[in-house]
């Protein structure tokens, strides 16, 4: 499985860009898909995840209500719609996939088997 993330760039606070993660090799629907981010000088942190086949999604508290993770099975692509961005959302965003994760552990980076290369989102105030 290979993941290719895109959609990052320099944006203004309040903007609403969308990140994409194209999945190749297998169908994205069969994987737990997650988004993580890493701000400069900080550790990688969980952002959002969506279950395999089903509709369950989880978000970190600071993005809940502003970000939406979704899958397009026809395009085999996972999206992260980010609304009302804030400067503290700045970081390199990574998409990740896992064959299976125990429910409740979807926010742990170590549980994911495959990672994309990351796309940088810089939010200016």
N, C-alpha and C. Protein backbone atom coordinates (compact mmCIF):
# COMPACT_ATOMS: atom_id res chain seq x y z
N UNK A 1 0.84 -1.19 0.00
CA UNK A 1 0.00 0.00 0.00
C UNK A 1 0.88 1.23 0.00
N UNK A 2 0.55 2.17 -0.88
CA UNK A 2 1.28 3.44 -0.91
C UNK A 2 0.29 4.58 -0.73
N UNK A 3 0.73 5.58 0.00
CA UNK A 3 -0.11 6.74 0.29
C UNK A 3 0.58 7.99 -0.22
N UNK A 4 -0.17 8.84 -0.90
CA UNK A 4 0.38 10.08 -1.44
C UNK A 4 -0.51 11.23 -0.99
N UNK A 5 0.02 12.04 -0.08
CA UNK A 5 -0.72 13.17 0.46
C UNK A 5 -0.42 14.44 -0.33
N UNK A 6 -1.41 15.31 -0.43
CA UNK A 6 -1.24 16.58 -1.12
C UNK A 6 -2.28 17.57 -0.60
N UNK A 7 -2.13 18.82 -1.02
CA UNK A 7 -3.10 19.84 -0.66
C UNK A 7 -2.61 20.88 0.32
N UNK A 8 -1.42 20.70 0.81
CA UNK A 8 -0.89 21.67 1.76
C UNK A 8 -0.41 22.93 1.07
N UNK A 9 -0.01 23.89 1.88
CA UNK A 9 0.49 25.15 1.36
C UNK A 9 0.37 26.24 2.40
N UNK A 10 0.60 27.46 1.98
CA UNK A 10 0.48 28.61 2.87
C UNK A 10 -0.94 29.17 2.76
N UNK A 11 -1.62 29.22 3.89
CA UNK A 11 -3.00 29.70 3.91
C UNK A 11 -3.16 30.74 5.01
N UNK A 12 -4.27 31.44 4.95
CA UNK A 12 -4.58 32.45 5.95
C UNK A 12 -5.46 31.83 7.03
N UNK A 13 -5.36 32.37 8.23
CA UNK A 13 -6.26 31.94 9.29
C UNK A 13 -7.70 32.14 8.83
N UNK A 14 -8.54 31.14 9.09
CA UNK A 14 -9.92 31.20 8.65
C UNK A 14 -10.18 30.51 7.33
N UNK A 15 -9.12 30.18 6.60
CA UNK A 15 -9.28 29.48 5.32
C UNK A 15 -9.74 28.05 5.53
N UNK A 16 -10.19 27.41 4.43
CA UNK A 16 -10.74 26.05 4.51
C UNK A 16 -10.18 25.15 3.41
N UNK A 17 -8.93 24.80 3.46
CA UNK A 17 -8.36 23.91 2.45
C UNK A 17 -8.74 22.45 2.70
N UNK A 18 -8.51 21.64 1.69
CA UNK A 18 -8.77 20.21 1.81
C UNK A 18 -7.51 19.43 1.44
N UNK A 19 -7.11 18.54 2.31
CA UNK A 19 -5.99 17.66 2.03
C UNK A 19 -6.51 16.37 1.41
N UNK A 20 -5.71 15.80 0.51
CA UNK A 20 -6.06 14.55 -0.13
C UNK A 20 -4.98 13.52 0.13
N UNK A 21 -5.39 12.27 0.19
CA UNK A 21 -4.44 11.17 0.35
C UNK A 21 -4.89 10.07 -0.60
N UNK A 22 -4.14 9.91 -1.69
CA UNK A 22 -4.47 8.87 -2.66
C UNK A 22 -3.86 7.55 -2.21
N UNK A 23 -4.67 6.53 -2.16
CA UNK A 23 -4.23 5.21 -1.74
C UNK A 23 -4.06 4.33 -2.96
N UNK A 24 -2.91 3.71 -3.10
CA UNK A 24 -2.68 2.80 -4.22
C UNK A 24 -2.25 1.44 -3.69
N UNK A 25 -2.61 0.43 -4.44
CA UNK A 25 -2.23 -0.91 -4.06
C UNK A 25 -3.38 -1.71 -3.45
N UNK A 26 -4.19 -1.06 -2.69
CA UNK A 26 -5.36 -1.71 -2.07
C UNK A 26 -6.47 -0.68 -1.95
N UNK A 27 -7.66 -1.16 -1.68
CA UNK A 27 -8.77 -0.22 -1.54
C UNK A 27 -8.75 0.45 -0.17
N UNK A 28 -8.91 1.75 -0.18
CA UNK A 28 -8.87 2.50 1.06
C UNK A 28 -10.02 2.12 1.98
N UNK A 29 -11.10 1.64 1.40
CA UNK A 29 -12.27 1.32 2.22
C UNK A 29 -11.97 0.24 3.25
N UNK A 30 -11.02 -0.62 2.95
CA UNK A 30 -10.73 -1.74 3.83
C UNK A 30 -9.75 -1.42 4.94
N UNK A 31 -9.33 -0.18 5.05
CA UNK A 31 -8.34 0.20 6.04
C UNK A 31 -8.90 1.23 7.00
N UNK A 32 -8.39 1.20 8.20
CA UNK A 32 -8.55 2.35 9.08
C UNK A 32 -7.64 3.43 8.54
N UNK A 33 -8.18 4.59 8.26
CA UNK A 33 -7.38 5.69 7.71
C UNK A 33 -7.30 6.81 8.74
N UNK A 34 -6.10 7.34 8.87
CA UNK A 34 -5.90 8.39 9.85
C UNK A 34 -5.11 9.55 9.28
N UNK A 35 -5.26 10.69 9.92
CA UNK A 35 -4.44 11.88 9.65
C UNK A 35 -3.73 12.26 10.94
N UNK A 36 -2.45 12.53 10.81
CA UNK A 36 -1.65 13.00 11.92
C UNK A 36 -0.95 14.28 11.47
N UNK A 37 -0.42 15.03 12.41
CA UNK A 37 0.34 16.23 12.05
C UNK A 37 1.49 16.41 13.02
N UNK A 38 2.49 17.12 12.53
CA UNK A 38 3.66 17.41 13.35
C UNK A 38 4.05 18.85 13.17
N UNK A 39 3.94 19.60 14.23
CA UNK A 39 4.34 21.00 14.21
C UNK A 39 5.85 21.10 14.43
N UNK A 40 6.46 22.19 13.99
CA UNK A 40 7.90 22.35 14.18
C UNK A 40 8.30 22.21 15.65
N UNK A 41 9.25 21.34 15.91
CA UNK A 41 9.75 21.16 17.27
C UNK A 41 8.86 20.37 18.19
N UNK A 42 7.78 19.79 17.64
CA UNK A 42 6.86 19.04 18.48
C UNK A 42 6.72 17.61 17.96
N UNK A 43 6.15 16.77 18.78
CA UNK A 43 5.93 15.39 18.37
C UNK A 43 4.71 15.28 17.46
N UNK A 44 4.69 14.21 16.72
CA UNK A 44 3.55 13.95 15.85
C UNK A 44 2.31 13.70 16.70
N UNK A 45 1.19 14.27 16.27
CA UNK A 45 -0.04 14.11 17.03
C UNK A 45 -1.19 13.67 16.13
N UNK A 46 -2.11 12.98 16.74
CA UNK A 46 -3.29 12.50 16.04
C UNK A 46 -4.22 13.66 15.70
N UNK A 47 -4.84 13.56 14.50
CA UNK A 47 -5.80 14.57 14.10
C UNK A 47 -7.20 13.96 13.93
N UNK A 48 -7.28 12.92 13.09
CA UNK A 48 -8.59 12.32 12.80
C UNK A 48 -8.39 10.91 12.26
N UNK A 49 -9.42 10.09 12.40
CA UNK A 49 -9.38 8.73 11.85
C UNK A 49 -10.78 8.30 11.46
N UNK A 50 -10.81 7.38 10.48
CA UNK A 50 -12.09 6.85 10.01
C UNK A 50 -11.96 5.34 9.91
N UNK A 51 -12.98 4.66 10.35
CA UNK A 51 -12.93 3.20 10.40
C UNK A 51 -12.95 2.58 9.01
N UNK A 52 -12.52 1.33 8.94
CA UNK A 52 -12.62 0.56 7.71
C UNK A 52 -14.08 0.18 7.48
N UNK A 53 -14.52 0.31 6.24
CA UNK A 53 -15.86 -0.10 5.81
C UNK A 53 -17.01 0.67 6.47
N UNK A 54 -16.85 1.01 7.72
CA UNK A 54 -17.96 1.64 8.41
C UNK A 54 -17.87 3.15 8.42
N UNK A 55 -18.68 3.78 9.20
CA UNK A 55 -18.78 5.22 9.20
C UNK A 55 -18.26 5.90 10.44
N UNK A 56 -17.54 5.17 11.28
CA UNK A 56 -17.09 5.75 12.54
C UNK A 56 -15.90 6.67 12.31
N UNK A 57 -15.96 7.84 12.91
CA UNK A 57 -14.87 8.78 12.83
C UNK A 57 -14.56 9.29 14.23
N UNK A 58 -13.30 9.62 14.43
CA UNK A 58 -12.90 10.25 15.68
C UNK A 58 -11.97 11.41 15.37
N UNK A 59 -11.94 12.40 16.26
CA UNK A 59 -11.13 13.60 16.07
C UNK A 59 -10.47 14.00 17.38
N UNK A 60 -9.33 14.68 17.25
CA UNK A 60 -8.78 15.27 18.45
C UNK A 60 -9.67 16.45 18.84
N UNK A 61 -9.67 16.77 20.10
CA UNK A 61 -10.61 17.77 20.60
C UNK A 61 -10.46 19.12 19.91
N UNK A 62 -9.24 19.53 19.63
CA UNK A 62 -9.01 20.87 19.10
C UNK A 62 -9.48 21.05 17.66
N UNK A 63 -9.77 19.96 16.95
CA UNK A 63 -10.22 20.09 15.56
C UNK A 63 -11.66 19.63 15.38
N UNK A 64 -12.23 19.01 16.40
CA UNK A 64 -13.60 18.52 16.27
C UNK A 64 -14.54 19.68 15.98
N UNK A 65 -15.38 19.49 14.97
CA UNK A 65 -16.29 20.55 14.54
C UNK A 65 -15.71 21.43 13.45
N UNK A 66 -14.40 21.38 13.24
CA UNK A 66 -13.77 22.17 12.18
C UNK A 66 -13.23 21.29 11.05
N UNK A 67 -12.75 20.10 11.40
CA UNK A 67 -12.16 19.19 10.41
C UNK A 67 -13.12 18.02 10.17
N UNK A 68 -13.07 17.50 8.93
CA UNK A 68 -13.88 16.33 8.58
C UNK A 68 -13.03 15.37 7.76
N UNK A 69 -12.97 14.12 8.19
CA UNK A 69 -12.28 13.09 7.43
C UNK A 69 -13.32 12.29 6.65
N UNK A 70 -13.00 11.98 5.39
CA UNK A 70 -13.93 11.24 4.57
C UNK A 70 -13.17 10.37 3.59
N UNK A 71 -13.85 9.38 3.06
CA UNK A 71 -13.26 8.48 2.06
C UNK A 71 -14.10 8.54 0.79
N UNK A 72 -13.44 8.55 -0.36
CA UNK A 72 -14.11 8.43 -1.65
C UNK A 72 -13.67 7.10 -2.24
N UNK A 73 -14.54 6.12 -2.21
CA UNK A 73 -14.14 4.79 -2.63
C UNK A 73 -13.89 4.72 -4.13
N UNK A 74 -14.58 5.55 -4.92
CA UNK A 74 -14.37 5.53 -6.36
C UNK A 74 -12.99 6.07 -6.73
N UNK A 75 -12.52 7.06 -5.99
CA UNK A 75 -11.21 7.65 -6.26
C UNK A 75 -10.13 7.03 -5.38
N UNK A 76 -10.54 6.14 -4.46
CA UNK A 76 -9.60 5.52 -3.53
C UNK A 76 -8.76 6.59 -2.82
N UNK A 77 -9.46 7.57 -2.35
CA UNK A 77 -8.81 8.74 -1.76
C UNK A 77 -9.46 9.08 -0.43
N UNK A 78 -8.64 9.50 0.50
CA UNK A 78 -9.11 9.96 1.80
C UNK A 78 -8.87 11.46 1.88
N UNK A 79 -9.84 12.17 2.39
CA UNK A 79 -9.75 13.62 2.47
C UNK A 79 -9.75 14.10 3.92
N UNK A 80 -9.16 15.23 4.12
CA UNK A 80 -9.29 15.93 5.39
C UNK A 80 -9.70 17.36 5.06
N UNK A 81 -10.98 17.63 5.22
CA UNK A 81 -11.49 18.97 5.02
C UNK A 81 -11.23 19.77 6.29
N UNK A 82 -10.51 20.85 6.15
CA UNK A 82 -10.14 21.67 7.30
C UNK A 82 -10.80 23.03 7.16
N UNK A 83 -11.64 23.37 8.08
CA UNK A 83 -12.35 24.65 8.06
C UNK A 83 -11.85 25.56 9.18
N UNK A 84 -11.93 26.84 8.92
CA UNK A 84 -11.59 27.84 9.92
C UNK A 84 -10.22 27.55 10.56
N UNK A 85 -9.21 27.46 9.71
CA UNK A 85 -7.89 27.13 10.21
C UNK A 85 -7.35 28.19 11.15
N UNK A 86 -6.54 27.73 12.09
CA UNK A 86 -5.89 28.60 13.06
C UNK A 86 -4.39 28.44 12.94
N UNK A 87 -3.62 29.43 13.38
CA UNK A 87 -2.16 29.30 13.30
C UNK A 87 -1.64 28.04 13.99
N UNK A 88 -2.29 27.60 15.06
CA UNK A 88 -1.84 26.41 15.77
C UNK A 88 -2.12 25.12 15.01
N UNK A 89 -2.78 25.21 13.86
CA UNK A 89 -2.98 24.04 13.00
C UNK A 89 -1.78 23.83 12.06
N UNK A 90 -0.82 24.73 12.11
CA UNK A 90 0.36 24.62 11.27
C UNK A 90 1.14 23.35 11.56
N UNK A 91 1.58 22.69 10.49
CA UNK A 91 2.39 21.49 10.65
C UNK A 91 2.43 20.67 9.38
N UNK A 92 3.21 19.62 9.43
CA UNK A 92 3.23 18.65 8.33
C UNK A 92 2.15 17.63 8.62
N UNK A 93 1.25 17.47 7.68
CA UNK A 93 0.14 16.54 7.84
C UNK A 93 0.44 15.24 7.11
N UNK A 94 0.27 14.14 7.82
CA UNK A 94 0.53 12.82 7.28
C UNK A 94 -0.76 12.00 7.26
N UNK A 95 -0.95 11.27 6.17
CA UNK A 95 -2.02 10.29 6.18
C UNK A 95 -1.41 8.93 6.48
N UNK A 96 -2.21 8.08 7.08
CA UNK A 96 -1.74 6.76 7.50
C UNK A 96 -2.85 5.74 7.34
N UNK A 97 -2.45 4.49 7.18
CA UNK A 97 -3.42 3.42 7.00
C UNK A 97 -3.04 2.23 7.88
N UNK A 98 -4.05 1.53 8.32
CA UNK A 98 -3.83 0.34 9.14
C UNK A 98 -4.78 -0.76 8.70
N UNK A 99 -4.26 -1.97 8.68
CA UNK A 99 -5.11 -3.11 8.32
C UNK A 99 -6.24 -3.28 9.33
N UNK A 100 -5.87 -3.11 10.58
CA UNK A 100 -6.85 -3.27 11.65
C UNK A 100 -6.30 -2.65 12.92
N UNK A 101 -7.13 -1.97 13.65
CA UNK A 101 -6.74 -1.39 14.93
C UNK A 101 -7.87 -1.63 15.91
N UNK A 102 -7.51 -2.04 17.11
CA UNK A 102 -8.51 -2.19 18.16
C UNK A 102 -9.20 -0.84 18.38
N UNK A 103 -10.50 -0.86 18.39
CA UNK A 103 -11.25 0.38 18.61
C UNK A 103 -10.81 0.98 19.94
N UNK A 104 -10.54 2.26 19.90
CA UNK A 104 -10.02 2.93 21.09
C UNK A 104 -8.55 3.26 20.97
N UNK A 105 -7.89 2.65 19.99
CA UNK A 105 -6.47 2.90 19.80
C UNK A 105 -6.18 3.60 18.49
N UNK A 106 -7.21 4.09 17.82
CA UNK A 106 -7.03 4.70 16.51
C UNK A 106 -6.18 5.97 16.56
N UNK A 107 -5.99 6.53 17.72
CA UNK A 107 -5.22 7.77 17.81
C UNK A 107 -3.73 7.52 18.07
N UNK A 108 -3.32 6.27 18.04
CA UNK A 108 -1.92 5.94 18.30
C UNK A 108 -1.18 5.70 17.00
N UNK A 109 -0.15 6.50 16.74
CA UNK A 109 0.60 6.41 15.50
C UNK A 109 1.21 5.02 15.31
N UNK A 110 1.62 4.40 16.41
CA UNK A 110 2.30 3.10 16.30
C UNK A 110 1.38 2.01 15.78
N UNK A 111 0.09 2.24 15.79
CA UNK A 111 -0.86 1.23 15.32
C UNK A 111 -1.01 1.22 13.79
N UNK A 112 -0.48 2.22 13.12
CA UNK A 112 -0.65 2.33 11.67
C UNK A 112 0.52 1.69 10.95
N UNK A 113 0.20 0.94 9.88
CA UNK A 113 1.21 0.19 9.14
C UNK A 113 1.85 0.99 8.02
N UNK A 114 1.09 1.90 7.44
CA UNK A 114 1.55 2.59 6.23
C UNK A 114 1.40 4.11 6.41
N UNK A 115 2.38 4.83 5.87
CA UNK A 115 2.41 6.28 6.01
C UNK A 115 2.71 6.95 4.68
N UNK A 116 2.07 8.09 4.47
CA UNK A 116 2.41 8.93 3.34
C UNK A 116 3.57 9.83 3.68
N UNK A 117 3.98 10.63 2.73
CA UNK A 117 5.19 11.44 2.89
C UNK A 117 4.95 12.76 3.61
N UNK A 118 3.71 13.15 3.78
CA UNK A 118 3.41 14.39 4.48
C UNK A 118 3.26 15.57 3.55
N UNK A 119 2.39 16.49 3.94
CA UNK A 119 2.20 17.73 3.20
C UNK A 119 2.14 18.87 4.21
N UNK A 120 2.89 19.92 3.95
CA UNK A 120 3.04 21.01 4.92
C UNK A 120 1.90 22.01 4.79
N UNK A 121 1.27 22.30 5.91
CA UNK A 121 0.25 23.33 5.98
C UNK A 121 0.75 24.43 6.91
N UNK A 122 0.85 25.63 6.39
CA UNK A 122 1.31 26.77 7.18
C UNK A 122 0.17 27.78 7.24
N UNK A 123 -0.28 28.07 8.45
CA UNK A 123 -1.40 28.99 8.63
C UNK A 123 -0.87 30.30 9.19
N UNK A 124 -1.04 31.35 8.42
CA UNK A 124 -0.59 32.67 8.88
C UNK A 124 -1.75 33.44 9.50
N UNK A 125 -1.42 34.23 10.49
CA UNK A 125 -2.47 34.96 11.21
C UNK A 125 -2.74 36.31 10.58
